[in-house]
Amino acid sequence: VQLQASGGGAVQAGGSLRLSCAASGRIFSYYIMGWFRQAPGKEREFVARISWGGGSIYYADSVKGRFTISKENAKMTMYLQMNSLKPEDTAVYYCAAATAPGTAVARGDYDYWGQGTQVTVSS
C-alpha cells in the first residue's frame, strides 16, 4: 500500500483547506484510514479516522465540529475537509492505513504512511 497526501497550503485563521490522500495497492474493507498531524517540536497526534468498508468515523476532540473525514472508495482516495482553521492547526498532516482491527487512534496502530503535507494557519 502506498499513500500520497496532498492539498496542504497556507491560509489565514478561519479559512478552509481540503486534504486528499490517494492510495494505491490493495485496500481491504477492514482497513482503517486515518489522518495524523505533527507540529514542530511535538509528537505526531491523531486527527481523524474512517473505516474503509463501513465508514465508521472518529475524531479527536480538538477538531470535532470543524474537520470532516470522508472517502471515495472508487477513487481510492480519502479526504480531510478542514474548516474554521486555527493557528494551532499548523502542522504537517499525514495520512495512514491500519490493517488490523482496533480503535486506530494511536500512531502505532498504523502500518502504512504517506509523506505528509504542510498546513500553515496564520493569525
PDB file of N, CA and C in Angstrom:
ATOM      1  N   VAL A   1       0.849  -1.188   0.000  1.00  0.00           N
ATOM      2  CA  VAL A   1       0.000   0.000   0.000  1.00  0.00           C
ATOM      3  C   VAL A   1       0.884   1.237   0.000  1.00  0.00           C
ATOM      4  N   GLN A   2       0.580   2.154  -0.896  1.00  0.00           N
ATOM      5  CA  GLN A   2       1.276   3.441  -0.926  1.00  0.00           C
ATOM      6  C   GLN A   2       0.248   4.549  -0.791  1.00  0.00           C
ATOM      7  N   LEU A   3       0.607   5.559  -0.017  1.00  0.00           N
ATOM      8  CA  LEU A   3      -0.293   6.666   0.251  1.00  0.00           C
ATOM      9  C   LEU A   3       0.376   7.973  -0.129  1.00  0.00           C
ATOM     10  N   GLN A   4      -0.381   8.862  -0.758  1.00  0.00           N
ATOM     11  CA  GLN A   4       0.140  10.147  -1.204  1.00  0.00           C
ATOM     12  C   GLN A   4      -0.797  11.234  -0.720  1.00  0.00           C
ATOM     13  N   ALA A   5      -0.319  12.041   0.227  1.00  0.00           N
ATOM     14  CA  ALA A   5      -1.119  13.145   0.752  1.00  0.00           C
ATOM     15  C   ALA A   5      -0.848  14.413  -0.047  1.00  0.00           C
ATOM     16  N   SER A   6      -1.882  15.224  -0.219  1.00  0.00           N
ATOM     17  CA  SER A   6      -1.744  16.488  -0.933  1.00  0.00           C
ATOM     18  C   SER A   6      -2.809  17.458  -0.452  1.00  0.00           C
ATOM     19  N   GLY A   7      -2.696  18.714  -0.889  1.00  0.00           N
ATOM     20  CA  GLY A   7      -3.723  19.692  -0.581  1.00  0.00           C
ATOM     21  C   GLY A   7      -3.367  20.683   0.498  1.00  0.00           C
ATOM     22  N   GLY A   8      -2.198  20.538   1.096  1.00  0.00           N
ATOM     23  CA  GLY A   8      -1.807  21.483   2.125  1.00  0.00           C
ATOM     24  C   GLY A   8      -1.532  22.853   1.551  1.00  0.00           C
ATOM     25  N   GLY A   9      -1.356  23.822   2.429  1.00  0.00           N
ATOM     26  CA  GLY A   9      -1.070  25.175   1.996  1.00  0.00           C
ATOM     27  C   GLY A   9      -1.090  26.128   3.157  1.00  0.00           C
ATOM     28  N   ALA A  10      -1.070  27.409   2.838  1.00  0.00           N
ATOM     29  CA  ALA A  10      -1.079  28.468   3.845  1.00  0.00           C
ATOM     30  C   ALA A  10      -2.400  29.222   3.770  1.00  0.00           C
ATOM     31  N   VAL A  11      -3.072  29.348   4.907  1.00  0.00           N
ATOM     32  CA  VAL A  11      -4.346  30.068   4.964  1.00  0.00           C
ATOM     33  C   VAL A  11      -4.378  30.930   6.212  1.00  0.00           C
ATOM     34  N   GLN A  12      -5.306  31.861   6.235  1.00  0.00           N
ATOM     35  CA  GLN A  12      -5.500  32.667   7.432  1.00  0.00           C
ATOM     36  C   GLN A  12      -6.482  31.959   8.365  1.00  0.00           C
ATOM     37  N   ALA A  13      -6.414  32.327   9.623  1.00  0.00           N
ATOM     38  CA  ALA A  13      -7.325  31.757  10.600  1.00  0.00           C
ATOM     39  C   ALA A  13      -8.772  31.955  10.147  1.00  0.00           C
ATOM     40  N   GLY A  14      -9.573  30.908  10.324  1.00  0.00           N
ATOM     41  CA  GLY A  14     -10.952  30.944   9.880  1.00  0.00           C
ATOM     42  C   GLY A  14     -11.146  30.373   8.486  1.00  0.00           C
ATOM     43  N   GLY A  15     -10.055  30.165   7.782  1.00  0.00           N
ATOM     44  CA  GLY A  15     -10.128  29.646   6.429  1.00  0.00           C
ATOM     45  C   GLY A  15     -10.309  28.143   6.381  1.00  0.00           C
ATOM     46  N   SER A  16     -10.294  27.627   5.157  1.00  0.00           N
ATOM     47  CA  SER A  16     -10.535  26.200   4.939  1.00  0.00           C
ATOM     48  C   SER A  16      -9.502  25.616   3.988  1.00  0.00           C
ATOM     49  N   LEU A  17      -9.254  24.347   4.157  1.00  0.00           N
ATOM     50  CA  LEU A  17      -8.421  23.569   3.241  1.00  0.00           C
ATOM     51  C   LEU A  17      -9.009  22.172   3.130  1.00  0.00           C
ATOM     52  N   ARG A  18      -8.760  21.531   2.005  1.00  0.00           N
ATOM     53  CA  ARG A  18      -9.174  20.145   1.826  1.00  0.00           C
ATOM     54  C   ARG A  18      -7.954  19.311   1.479  1.00  0.00           C
ATOM     55  N   LEU A  19      -7.635  18.386   2.330  1.00  0.00           N
ATOM     56  CA  LEU A  19      -6.536  17.468   2.073  1.00  0.00           C
ATOM     57  C   LEU A  19      -7.050  16.214   1.390  1.00  0.00           C
ATOM     58  N   SER A  20      -6.203  15.648   0.548  1.00  0.00           N
ATOM     59  CA  SER A  20      -6.523  14.392  -0.114  1.00  0.00           C
ATOM     60  C   SER A  20      -5.436  13.377   0.177  1.00  0.00           C
ATOM     61  N   CYS A  21      -5.816  12.122   0.193  1.00  0.00           N
ATOM     62  CA  CYS A  21      -4.863  11.023   0.363  1.00  0.00           C
ATOM     63  C   CYS A  21      -5.200   9.964  -0.670  1.00  0.00           C
ATOM     64  N   ALA A  22      -4.358   9.867  -1.683  1.00  0.00           N
ATOM     65  CA  ALA A  22      -4.569   8.884  -2.742  1.00  0.00           C
ATOM     66  C   ALA A  22      -3.834   7.601  -2.386  1.00  0.00           C
ATOM     67  N   ALA A  23      -4.555   6.507  -2.455  1.00  0.00           N
ATOM     68  CA  ALA A  23      -3.980   5.211  -2.109  1.00  0.00           C
ATOM     69  C   ALA A  23      -3.783   4.376  -3.356  1.00  0.00           C
ATOM     70  N   SER A  24      -2.730   3.584  -3.349  1.00  0.00           N
ATOM     71  CA  SER A  24      -2.507   2.609  -4.408  1.00  0.00           C
ATOM     72  C   SER A  24      -2.177   1.274  -3.758  1.00  0.00           C
ATOM     73  N   GLY A  25      -2.413   0.219  -4.508  1.00  0.00           N
ATOM     74  CA  GLY A  25      -2.261  -1.112  -3.925  1.00  0.00           C
ATOM     75  C   GLY A  25      -3.607  -1.623  -3.471  1.00  0.00           C
ATOM     76  N   ARG A  26      -3.597  -2.656  -2.670  1.00  0.00           N
ATOM     77  CA  ARG A  26      -4.846  -3.280  -2.266  1.00  0.00           C
ATOM     78  C   ARG A  26      -5.291  -2.747  -0.910  1.00  0.00           C
ATOM     79  N   ILE A  27      -6.470  -2.129  -0.876  1.00  0.00           N
ATOM     80  CA  ILE A  27      -7.063  -1.650   0.360  1.00  0.00           C
ATOM     81  C   ILE A  27      -8.259  -2.547   0.669  1.00  0.00           C
ATOM     82  N   PHE A  28      -8.169  -3.302   1.716  1.00  0.00           N
ATOM     83  CA  PHE A  28      -9.260  -4.196   2.090  1.00  0.00           C
ATOM     84  C   PHE A  28     -10.305  -3.435   2.904  1.00  0.00           C
ATOM     85  N   SER A  29     -11.520  -3.962   2.868  1.00  0.00           N
ATOM     86  CA  SER A  29     -12.632  -3.260   3.506  1.00  0.00           C
ATOM     87  C   SER A  29     -12.432  -3.113   5.010  1.00  0.00           C
ATOM     88  N   TYR A  30     -11.652  -3.985   5.627  1.00  0.00           N
ATOM     89  CA  TYR A  30     -11.443  -3.898   7.074  1.00  0.00           C
ATOM     90  C   TYR A  30     -10.329  -2.918   7.465  1.00  0.00           C
ATOM     91  N   TYR A  31      -9.664  -2.348   6.478  1.00  0.00           N
ATOM     92  CA  TYR A  31      -8.632  -1.361   6.778  1.00  0.00           C
ATOM     93  C   TYR A  31      -9.276  -0.114   7.383  1.00  0.00           C
ATOM     94  N   ILE A  32      -8.508   0.560   8.201  1.00  0.00           N
ATOM     95  CA  ILE A  32      -8.898   1.859   8.733  1.00  0.00           C
ATOM     96  C   ILE A  32      -7.923   2.893   8.215  1.00  0.00           C
ATOM     97  N   MET A  33      -8.461   3.971   7.685  1.00  0.00           N
ATOM     98  CA  MET A  33      -7.636   5.053   7.161  1.00  0.00           C
ATOM     99  C   MET A  33      -7.701   6.230   8.119  1.00  0.00           C
ATOM    100  N   GLY A  34      -6.558   6.839   8.349  1.00  0.00           N
ATOM    101  CA  GLY A  34      -6.541   7.917   9.331  1.00  0.00           C
ATOM    102  C   GLY A  34      -5.705   9.107   8.906  1.00  0.00           C
ATOM    103  N   TRP A  35      -5.948  10.203   9.589  1.00  0.00           N
ATOM    104  CA  TRP A  35      -5.141  11.424   9.447  1.00  0.00           C
ATOM    105  C   TRP A  35      -4.476  11.705  10.794  1.00  0.00           C
ATOM    106  N   PHE A  36      -3.211  12.049  10.727  1.00  0.00           N
ATOM    107  CA  PHE A  36      -2.445  12.485  11.882  1.00  0.00           C
ATOM    108  C   PHE A  36      -1.792  13.823  11.526  1.00  0.00           C
ATOM    109  N   ARG A  37      -1.302  14.504  12.538  1.00  0.00           N
ATOM    110  CA  ARG A  37      -0.554  15.738  12.289  1.00  0.00           C
ATOM    111  C   ARG A  37       0.581  15.852  13.289  1.00  0.00           C
ATOM    112  N   GLN A  38       1.599  16.572  12.853  1.00  0.00           N
ATOM    113  CA  GLN A  38       2.762  16.780  13.714  1.00  0.00           C
ATOM    114  C   GLN A  38       3.231  18.218  13.586  1.00  0.00           C
ATOM    115  N   ALA A  39       3.136  18.944  14.685  1.00  0.00           N
ATOM    116  CA  ALA A  39       3.619  20.314  14.742  1.00  0.00           C
ATOM    117  C   ALA A  39       5.089  20.297  15.154  1.00  0.00           C
ATOM    118  N   PRO A  40       5.825  21.364  14.834  1.00  0.00           N
ATOM    119  CA  PRO A  40       7.247  21.402  15.187  1.00  0.00           C
ATOM    120  C   PRO A  40       7.452  21.208  16.686  1.00  0.00           C
ATOM    121  N   GLY A  41       8.336  20.292  17.027  1.00  0.00           N
ATOM    122  CA  GLY A  41       8.656  20.049  18.421  1.00  0.00           C
ATOM    123  C   GLY A  41       7.642  19.247  19.197  1.00  0.00           C
ATOM    124  N   LYS A  42       6.622  18.749  18.494  1.00  0.00           N
ATOM    125  CA  LYS A  42       5.564  17.988  19.176  1.00  0.00           C
ATOM    126  C   LYS A  42       5.465  16.578  18.610  1.00  0.00           C
ATOM    127  N   GLU A  43       4.794  15.731  19.368  1.00  0.00           N
ATOM    128  CA  GLU A  43       4.557  14.371  18.917  1.00  0.00           C
ATOM    129  C   GLU A  43       3.495  14.359  17.818  1.00  0.00           C
ATOM    130  N   ARG A  44       3.561  13.334  16.986  1.00  0.00           N
ATOM    131  CA  ARG A  44       2.521  13.160  15.974  1.00  0.00           C
ATOM    132  C   ARG A  44       1.237  12.770  16.686  1.00  0.00           C
ATOM    133  N   GLU A  45       0.147  13.466  16.358  1.00  0.00           N
ATOM    134  CA  GLU A  45      -1.110  13.223  17.045  1.00  0.00           C
ATOM    135  C   GLU A  45      -2.225  12.824  16.096  1.00  0.00           C
ATOM    136  N   PHE A  46      -3.128  12.043  16.620  1.00  0.00           N
ATOM    137  CA  PHE A  46      -4.287  11.583  15.868  1.00  0.00           C
ATOM    138  C   PHE A  46      -5.236  12.737  15.584  1.00  0.00           C
ATOM    139  N   VAL A  47      -5.810  12.740  14.378  1.00  0.00           N
ATOM    140  CA  VAL A  47      -6.775  13.769  13.993  1.00  0.00           C
ATOM    141  C   VAL A  47      -8.146  13.150  13.733  1.00  0.00           C
ATOM    142  N   ALA A  48      -8.194  12.150  12.844  1.00  0.00           N
ATOM    143  CA  ALA A  48      -9.475  11.536  12.488  1.00  0.00           C
ATOM    144  C   ALA A  48      -9.209  10.212  11.802  1.00  0.00           C
ATOM    145  N   ARG A  49     -10.215   9.335  11.817  1.00  0.00           N
ATOM    146  CA  ARG A  49     -10.062   8.084  11.092  1.00  0.00           C
ATOM    147  C   ARG A  49     -11.425   7.609  10.596  1.00  0.00           C
ATOM    148  N   ILE A  50     -11.368   6.789   9.534  1.00  0.00           N
ATOM    149  CA  ILE A  50     -12.573   6.274   8.904  1.00  0.00           C
ATOM    150  C   ILE A  50     -12.304   4.844   8.470  1.00  0.00           C
ATOM    151  N   SER A  51     -13.279   3.979   8.668  1.00  0.00           N
ATOM    152  CA  SER A  51     -13.107   2.599   8.214  1.00  0.00           C
ATOM    153  C   SER A  51     -13.388   2.531   6.724  1.00  0.00           C
ATOM    154  N   TRP A  52     -12.541   1.839   6.007  1.00  0.00           N
ATOM    155  CA  TRP A  52     -12.632   1.827   4.554  1.00  0.00           C
ATOM    156  C   TRP A  52     -13.910   1.155   4.069  1.00  0.00           C
ATOM    157  N   GLY A  53     -14.356   0.129   4.768  1.00  0.00           N
ATOM    158  CA  GLY A  53     -15.541  -0.585   4.317  1.00  0.00           C
ATOM    159  C   GLY A  53     -16.833   0.005   4.841  1.00  0.00           C
ATOM    160  N   GLY A  54     -16.921   0.208   6.136  1.00  0.00           N
ATOM    161  CA  GLY A  54     -18.181   0.621   6.714  1.00  0.00           C
ATOM    162  C   GLY A  54     -18.368   2.106   6.904  1.00  0.00           C
ATOM    163  N   GLY A  55     -17.294   2.864   6.882  1.00  0.00           N
ATOM    164  CA  GLY A  55     -17.431   4.302   7.037  1.00  0.00           C
ATOM    165  C   GLY A  55     -17.510   4.795   8.460  1.00  0.00           C
ATOM    166  N   SER A  56     -17.257   3.921   9.437  1.00  0.00           N
ATOM    167  CA  SER A  56     -17.247   4.360  10.826  1.00  0.00           C
ATOM    168  C   SER A  56     -16.200   5.456  11.004  1.00  0.00           C
ATOM    169  N   ILE A  57     -16.577   6.524  11.689  1.00  0.00           N
ATOM    170  CA  ILE A  57     -15.736   7.718  11.793  1.00  0.00           C
ATOM    171  C   ILE A  57     -15.493   8.084  13.250  1.00  0.00           C
ATOM    172  N   TYR A  58     -14.298   8.594  13.493  1.00  0.00           N
ATOM    173  CA  TYR A  58     -13.945   9.062  14.836  1.00  0.00           C
ATOM    174  C   TYR A  58     -13.001  10.245  14.711  1.00  0.00           C
ATOM    175  N   TYR A  59     -13.219  11.270  15.557  1.00  0.00           N
ATOM    176  CA  TYR A  59     -12.407  12.483  15.521  1.00  0.00           C
ATOM    177  C   TYR A  59     -11.732  12.733  16.858  1.00  0.00           C
ATOM    178  N   ALA A  60     -10.607  13.386  16.791  1.00  0.00           N
ATOM    179  CA  ALA A  60     -10.006  13.927  18.004  1.00  0.00           C
ATOM    180  C   ALA A  60     -10.871  15.093  18.483  1.00  0.00           C
ATOM    181  N   ASP A  61     -10.937  15.298  19.773  1.00  0.00           N
ATOM    182  CA  ASP A  61     -11.769  16.372  20.318  1.00  0.00           C
ATOM    183  C   ASP A  61     -11.370  17.739  19.780  1.00  0.00           C
ATOM    184  N   SER A  62     -10.093  17.906  19.510  1.00  0.00           N
ATOM    185  CA  SER A  62      -9.581  19.212  19.082  1.00  0.00           C
ATOM    186  C   SER A  62     -10.091  19.634  17.709  1.00  0.00           C
ATOM    187  N   VAL A  63     -10.574  18.693  16.919  1.00  0.00           N
ATOM    188  CA  VAL A  63     -11.020  19.030  15.562  1.00  0.00           C
ATOM    189  C   VAL A  63     -12.503  18.743  15.341  1.00  0.00           C
ATOM    190  N   LYS A  64     -13.138  18.138  16.328  1.00  0.00           N
ATOM    191  CA  LYS A  64     -14.543  17.767  16.194  1.00  0.00           C
ATOM    192  C   LYS A  64     -15.390  19.005  15.917  1.00  0.00           C
ATOM    193  N   GLY A  65     -16.261  18.914  14.907  1.00  0.00           N
ATOM    194  CA  GLY A  65     -17.120  20.028  14.538  1.00  0.00           C
ATOM    195  C   GLY A  65     -16.492  20.967  13.518  1.00  0.00           C
ATOM    196  N   ARG A  66     -15.182  20.846  13.291  1.00  0.00           N
ATOM    197  CA  ARG A  66     -14.501  21.707  12.315  1.00  0.00           C
ATOM    198  C   ARG A  66     -13.962  20.907  11.128  1.00  0.00           C
ATOM    199  N   PHE A  67     -13.522  19.702  11.377  1.00  0.00           N
ATOM    200  CA  PHE A  67     -12.945  18.852  10.330  1.00  0.00           C
ATOM    201  C   PHE A  67     -13.925  17.742   9.970  1.00  0.00           C
ATOM    202  N   THR A  68     -13.896  17.347   8.699  1.00  0.00           N
ATOM    203  CA  THR A  68     -14.731  16.237   8.239  1.00  0.00           C
ATOM    204  C   THR A  68     -13.882  15.286   7.418  1.00  0.00           C
ATOM    205  N   ILE A  69     -13.883  14.035   7.810  1.00  0.00           N
ATOM    206  CA  ILE A  69     -13.162  12.999   7.074  1.00  0.00           C
ATOM    207  C   ILE A  69     -14.153  12.270   6.180  1.00  0.00           C
ATOM    208  N   SER A  70     -13.709  11.932   4.981  1.00  0.00           N
ATOM    209  CA  SER A  70     -14.571  11.208   4.055  1.00  0.00           C
ATOM    210  C   SER A  70     -13.693  10.389   3.112  1.00  0.00           C
ATOM    211  N   LYS A  71     -14.343   9.622   2.258  1.00  0.00           N
ATOM    212  CA  LYS A  71     -13.601   8.777   1.324  1.00  0.00           C
ATOM    213  C   LYS A  71     -14.411   8.514   0.077  1.00  0.00           C
ATOM    214  N   GLU A  72     -13.707   8.190  -0.977  1.00  0.00           N
ATOM    215  CA  GLU A  72     -14.339   7.729  -2.216  1.00  0.00           C
ATOM    216  C   GLU A  72     -13.636   6.424  -2.583  1.00  0.00           C
ATOM    217  N   ASN A  73     -14.279   5.318  -2.259  1.00  0.00           N
ATOM    218  CA  ASN A  73     -13.641   4.023  -2.482  1.00  0.00           C
ATOM    219  C   ASN A  73     -13.269   3.809  -3.947  1.00  0.00           C
ATOM    220  N   ALA A  74     -14.144   4.222  -4.853  1.00  0.00           N
ATOM    221  CA  ALA A  74     -13.884   4.008  -6.278  1.00  0.00           C
ATOM    222  C   ALA A  74     -12.632   4.743  -6.739  1.00  0.00           C
ATOM    223  N   LYS A  75     -12.337   5.859  -6.097  1.00  0.00           N
ATOM    224  CA  LYS A  75     -11.145   6.640  -6.448  1.00  0.00           C
ATOM    225  C   LYS A  75      -9.966   6.307  -5.549  1.00  0.00           C
ATOM    226  N   MET A  76     -10.189   5.400  -4.589  1.00  0.00           N
ATOM    227  CA  MET A  76      -9.117   5.031  -3.651  1.00  0.00           C
ATOM    228  C   MET A  76      -8.557   6.285  -2.982  1.00  0.00           C
ATOM    229  N   THR A  77      -9.411   7.171  -2.595  1.00  0.00           N
ATOM    230  CA  THR A  77      -8.990   8.457  -2.037  1.00  0.00           C
ATOM    231  C   THR A  77      -9.758   8.782  -0.768  1.00  0.00           C
ATOM    232  N   MET A  78      -9.018   9.310   0.194  1.00  0.00           N
ATOM    233  CA  MET A  78      -9.593   9.787   1.446  1.00  0.00           C
ATOM    234  C   MET A  78      -9.389  11.287   1.514  1.00  0.00           C
ATOM    235  N   TYR A  79     -10.297  11.974   2.199  1.00  0.00           N
ATOM    236  CA  TYR A  79     -10.228  13.431   2.276  1.00  0.00           C
ATOM    237  C   TYR A  79     -10.297  13.895   3.726  1.00  0.00           C
ATOM    238  N   LEU A  80      -9.811  15.098   3.940  1.00  0.00           N
ATOM    239  CA  LEU A  80      -9.997  15.773   5.217  1.00  0.00           C
ATOM    240  C   LEU A  80     -10.360  17.219   4.906  1.00  0.00           C
ATOM    241  N   GLN A  81     -11.627  17.537   5.073  1.00  0.00           N
ATOM    242  CA  GLN A  81     -12.086  18.907   4.908  1.00  0.00           C
ATOM    243  C   GLN A  81     -11.879  19.636   6.224  1.00  0.00           C
ATOM    244  N   MET A  82     -11.106  20.691   6.181  1.00  0.00           N
ATOM    245  CA  MET A  82     -10.767  21.424   7.399  1.00  0.00           C
ATOM    246  C   MET A  82     -11.344  22.830   7.302  1.00  0.00           C
ATOM    247  N   ASN A  83     -12.281  23.137   8.173  1.00  0.00           N
ATOM    248  CA  ASN A  83     -12.911  24.456   8.219  1.00  0.00           C
ATOM    249  C   ASN A  83     -12.570  25.151   9.532  1.00  0.00           C
ATOM    250  N   SER A  84     -12.812  26.442   9.562  1.00  0.00           N
ATOM    251  CA  SER A  84     -12.563  27.233  10.769  1.00  0.00           C
ATOM    252  C   SER A  84     -11.170  26.961  11.330  1.00  0.00           C
ATOM    253  N   LEU A  85     -10.198  27.012  10.451  1.00  0.00           N
ATOM    254  CA  LEU A  85      -8.837  26.674  10.851  1.00  0.00           C
ATOM    255  C   LEU A  85      -8.284  27.677  11.852  1.00  0.00           C
ATOM    256  N   LYS A  86      -7.461  27.160  12.757  1.00  0.00           N
ATOM    257  CA  LYS A  86      -6.841  27.963  13.800  1.00  0.00           C
ATOM    258  C   LYS A  86      -5.322  27.858  13.672  1.00  0.00           C
ATOM    259  N   PRO A  87      -4.603  28.840  14.197  1.00  0.00           N
ATOM    260  CA  PRO A  87      -3.134  28.757  14.148  1.00  0.00           C
ATOM    261  C   PRO A  87      -2.598  27.462  14.767  1.00  0.00           C
ATOM    262  N   GLU A  88      -3.271  26.950  15.775  1.00  0.00           N
ATOM    263  CA  GLU A  88      -2.810  25.717  16.410  1.00  0.00           C
ATOM    264  C   GLU A  88      -3.031  24.475  15.552  1.00  0.00           C
ATOM    265  N   ASP A  89      -3.698  24.635  14.407  1.00  0.00           N
ATOM    266  CA  ASP A  89      -3.824  23.523  13.459  1.00  0.00           C
ATOM    267  C   ASP A  89      -2.601  23.409  12.557  1.00  0.00           C
ATOM    268  N   THR A  90      -1.697  24.377  12.655  1.00  0.00           N
ATOM    269  CA  THR A  90      -0.484  24.352  11.849  1.00  0.00           C
ATOM    270  C   THR A  90       0.338  23.114  12.156  1.00  0.00           C
ATOM    271  N   ALA A  91       0.638  22.343  11.120  1.00  0.00           N
ATOM    272  CA  ALA A  91       1.363  21.089  11.287  1.00  0.00           C
ATOM    273  C   ALA A  91       1.587  20.452   9.925  1.00  0.00           C
ATOM    274  N   VAL A  92       2.397  19.423   9.909  1.00  0.00           N
ATOM    275  CA  VAL A  92       2.462  18.544   8.751  1.00  0.00           C
ATOM    276  C   VAL A  92       1.406  17.457   8.960  1.00  0.00           C
ATOM    277  N   TYR A  93       0.553  17.284   7.980  1.00  0.00           N
ATOM    278  CA  TYR A  93      -0.531  16.322   8.071  1.00  0.00           C
ATOM    279  C   TYR A  93      -0.170  15.063   7.284  1.00  0.00           C
ATOM    280  N   TYR A  94      -0.370  13.920   7.922  1.00  0.00           N
ATOM    281  CA  TYR A  94      -0.053  12.631   7.338  1.00  0.00           C
ATOM    282  C   TYR A  94      -1.305  11.776   7.234  1.00  0.00           C
ATOM    283  N   CYS A  95      -1.398  11.027   6.139  1.00  0.00           N
ATOM    284  CA  CYS A  95      -2.441  10.013   6.076  1.00  0.00           C
ATOM    285  C   CYS A  95      -1.793   8.647   6.308  1.00  0.00           C
ATOM    286  N   ALA A  96      -2.590   7.730   6.797  1.00  0.00           N
ATOM    287  CA  ALA A  96      -2.062   6.434   7.187  1.00  0.00           C
ATOM    288  C   ALA A  96      -3.135   5.370   7.061  1.00  0.00           C
ATOM    289  N   ALA A  97      -2.683   4.121   6.995  1.00  0.00           N
ATOM    290  CA  ALA A  97      -3.599   2.990   6.885  1.00  0.00           C
ATOM    291  C   ALA A  97      -3.263   1.955   7.949  1.00  0.00           C
ATOM    292  N   ALA A  98      -4.304   1.506   8.647  1.00  0.00           N
ATOM    293  CA  ALA A  98      -4.155   0.463   9.653  1.00  0.00           C
ATOM    294  C   ALA A  98      -4.769  -0.827   9.118  1.00  0.00           C
ATOM    295  N   THR A  99      -4.048  -1.930   9.234  1.00  0.00           N
ATOM    296  CA  THR A  99      -4.524  -3.185   8.651  1.00  0.00           C
ATOM    297  C   THR A  99      -5.128  -4.139   9.672  1.00  0.00           C
ATOM    298  N   ALA A 100      -5.053  -3.780  10.941  1.00  0.00           N
ATOM    299  CA  ALA A 100      -5.598  -4.644  11.983  1.00  0.00           C
ATOM    300  C   ALA A 100      -6.790  -3.956  12.638  1.00  0.00           C
ATOM    301  N   PRO A 101      -7.775  -4.713  13.059  1.00  0.00           N
ATOM    302  CA  PRO A 101      -8.926  -4.096  13.725  1.00  0.00           C
ATOM    303  C   PRO A 101      -8.522  -3.485  15.059  1.00  0.00           C
ATOM    304  N   GLY A 102      -9.253  -2.449  15.458  1.00  0.00           N
ATOM    305  CA  GLY A 102      -8.954  -1.795  16.722  1.00  0.00           C
ATOM    306  C   GLY A 102      -9.457  -0.374  16.694  1.00  0.00           C
ATOM    307  N   THR A 103      -9.109   0.372  17.708  1.00  0.00           N
ATOM    308  CA  THR A 103      -9.583   1.749  17.770  1.00  0.00           C
ATOM    309  C   THR A 103      -8.869   2.642  16.758  1.00  0.00           C
ATOM    310  N   ALA A 104      -7.611   2.293  16.436  1.00  0.00           N
ATOM    311  CA  ALA A 104      -6.849   3.019  15.413  1.00  0.00           C
ATOM    312  C   ALA A 104      -6.780   4.512  15.704  1.00  0.00           C
ATOM    313  N   VAL A 105      -6.390   4.865  16.916  1.00  0.00           N
ATOM    314  CA  VAL A 105      -6.179   6.272  17.245  1.00  0.00           C
ATOM    315  C   VAL A 105      -4.744   6.533  17.667  1.00  0.00           C
ATOM    316  N   ALA A 106      -3.938   5.499  17.733  1.00  0.00           N
ATOM    317  CA  ALA A 106      -2.539   5.657  18.115  1.00  0.00           C
ATOM    318  C   ALA A 106      -1.636   5.478  16.900  1.00  0.00           C
ATOM    319  N   ARG A 107      -0.540   6.176  16.928  1.00  0.00           N
ATOM    320  CA  ARG A 107       0.403   6.102  15.814  1.00  0.00           C
ATOM    321  C   ARG A 107       0.830   4.651  15.561  1.00  0.00           C
ATOM    322  N   GLY A 108       1.027   3.901  16.584  1.00  0.00           N
ATOM    323  CA  GLY A 108       1.487   2.525  16.456  1.00  0.00           C
ATOM    324  C   GLY A 108       0.460   1.574  15.863  1.00  0.00           C
ATOM    325  N   ASP A 109      -0.792   2.014  15.760  1.00  0.00           N
ATOM    326  CA  ASP A 109      -1.835   1.179  15.169  1.00  0.00           C
ATOM    327  C   ASP A 109      -1.737   1.123  13.650  1.00  0.00           C
ATOM    328  N   TYR A 110      -0.979   2.034  13.066  1.00  0.00           N
ATOM    329  CA  TYR A 110      -0.947   2.196  11.610  1.00  0.00           C
ATOM    330  C   TYR A 110       0.306   1.586  10.996  1.00  0.00           C
ATOM    331  N   ASP A 111       0.091   0.964   9.839  1.00  0.00           N
ATOM    332  CA  ASP A 111       1.164   0.225   9.180  1.00  0.00           C
ATOM    333  C   ASP A 111       1.767   0.945   7.981  1.00  0.00           C
ATOM    334  N   TYR A 112       0.972   1.755   7.337  1.00  0.00           N
ATOM    335  CA  TYR A 112       1.435   2.460   6.137  1.00  0.00           C
ATOM    336  C   TYR A 112       1.208   3.961   6.323  1.00  0.00           C
ATOM    337  N   TRP A 113       2.176   4.756   5.825  1.00  0.00           N
ATOM    338  CA  TRP A 113       2.111   6.203   5.985  1.00  0.00           C
ATOM    339  C   TRP A 113       2.410   6.907   4.671  1.00  0.00           C
ATOM    340  N   GLY A 114       1.717   8.021   4.468  1.00  0.00           N
ATOM    341  CA  GLY A 114       2.045   8.897   3.368  1.00  0.00           C
ATOM    342  C   GLY A 114       3.169   9.837   3.766  1.00  0.00           C
ATOM    343  N   GLN A 115       3.575  10.703   2.844  1.00  0.00           N
ATOM    344  CA  GLN A 115       4.755  11.534   3.062  1.00  0.00           C
ATOM    345  C   GLN A 115       4.470  12.819   3.817  1.00  0.00           C
ATOM    346  N   GLY A 116       3.215  13.203   3.996  1.00  0.00           N
ATOM    347  CA  GLY A 116       2.886  14.424   4.721  1.00  0.00           C
ATOM    348  C   GLY A 116       2.718  15.630   3.816  1.00  0.00           C
ATOM    349  N   THR A 117       1.832  16.517   4.247  1.00  0.00           N
ATOM    350  CA  THR A 117       1.608  17.765   3.536  1.00  0.00           C
ATOM    351  C   THR A 117       1.483  18.878   4.570  1.00  0.00           C
ATOM    352  N   GLN A 118       2.149  20.005   4.306  1.00  0.00           N
ATOM    353  CA  GLN A 118       2.235  21.093   5.278  1.00  0.00           C
ATOM    354  C   GLN A 118       0.974  21.950   5.259  1.00  0.00           C
ATOM    355  N   VAL A 119       0.434  22.207   6.439  1.00  0.00           N
ATOM    356  CA  VAL A 119      -0.669  23.145   6.617  1.00  0.00           C
ATOM    357  C   VAL A 119      -0.192  24.242   7.559  1.00  0.00           C
ATOM    358  N   THR A 120      -0.297  25.480   7.105  1.00  0.00           N
ATOM    359  CA  THR A 120       0.120  26.629   7.906  1.00  0.00           C
ATOM    360  C   THR A 120      -1.045  27.597   8.028  1.00  0.00           C
ATOM    361  N   VAL A 121      -1.431  27.887   9.265  1.00  0.00           N
ATOM    362  CA  VAL A 121      -2.548  28.792   9.521  1.00  0.00           C
ATOM    363  C   VAL A 121      -2.015  30.014  10.258  1.00  0.00           C
ATOM    364  N   SER A 122      -2.196  31.168   9.654  1.00  0.00           N
ATOM    365  CA  SER A 122      -1.702  32.404  10.261  1.00  0.00           C
ATOM    366  C   SER A 122      -2.837  33.149  10.952  1.00  0.00           C
ATOM    367  N   SER A 123      -2.472  33.880  11.983  1.00  0.00           N
ATOM    368  CA  SER A 123      -3.491  34.609  12.756  1.00  0.00           C
ATOM    369  C   SER A 123      -3.740  35.989  12.192  1.00  0.00           C
TER     370      SER A 123
END
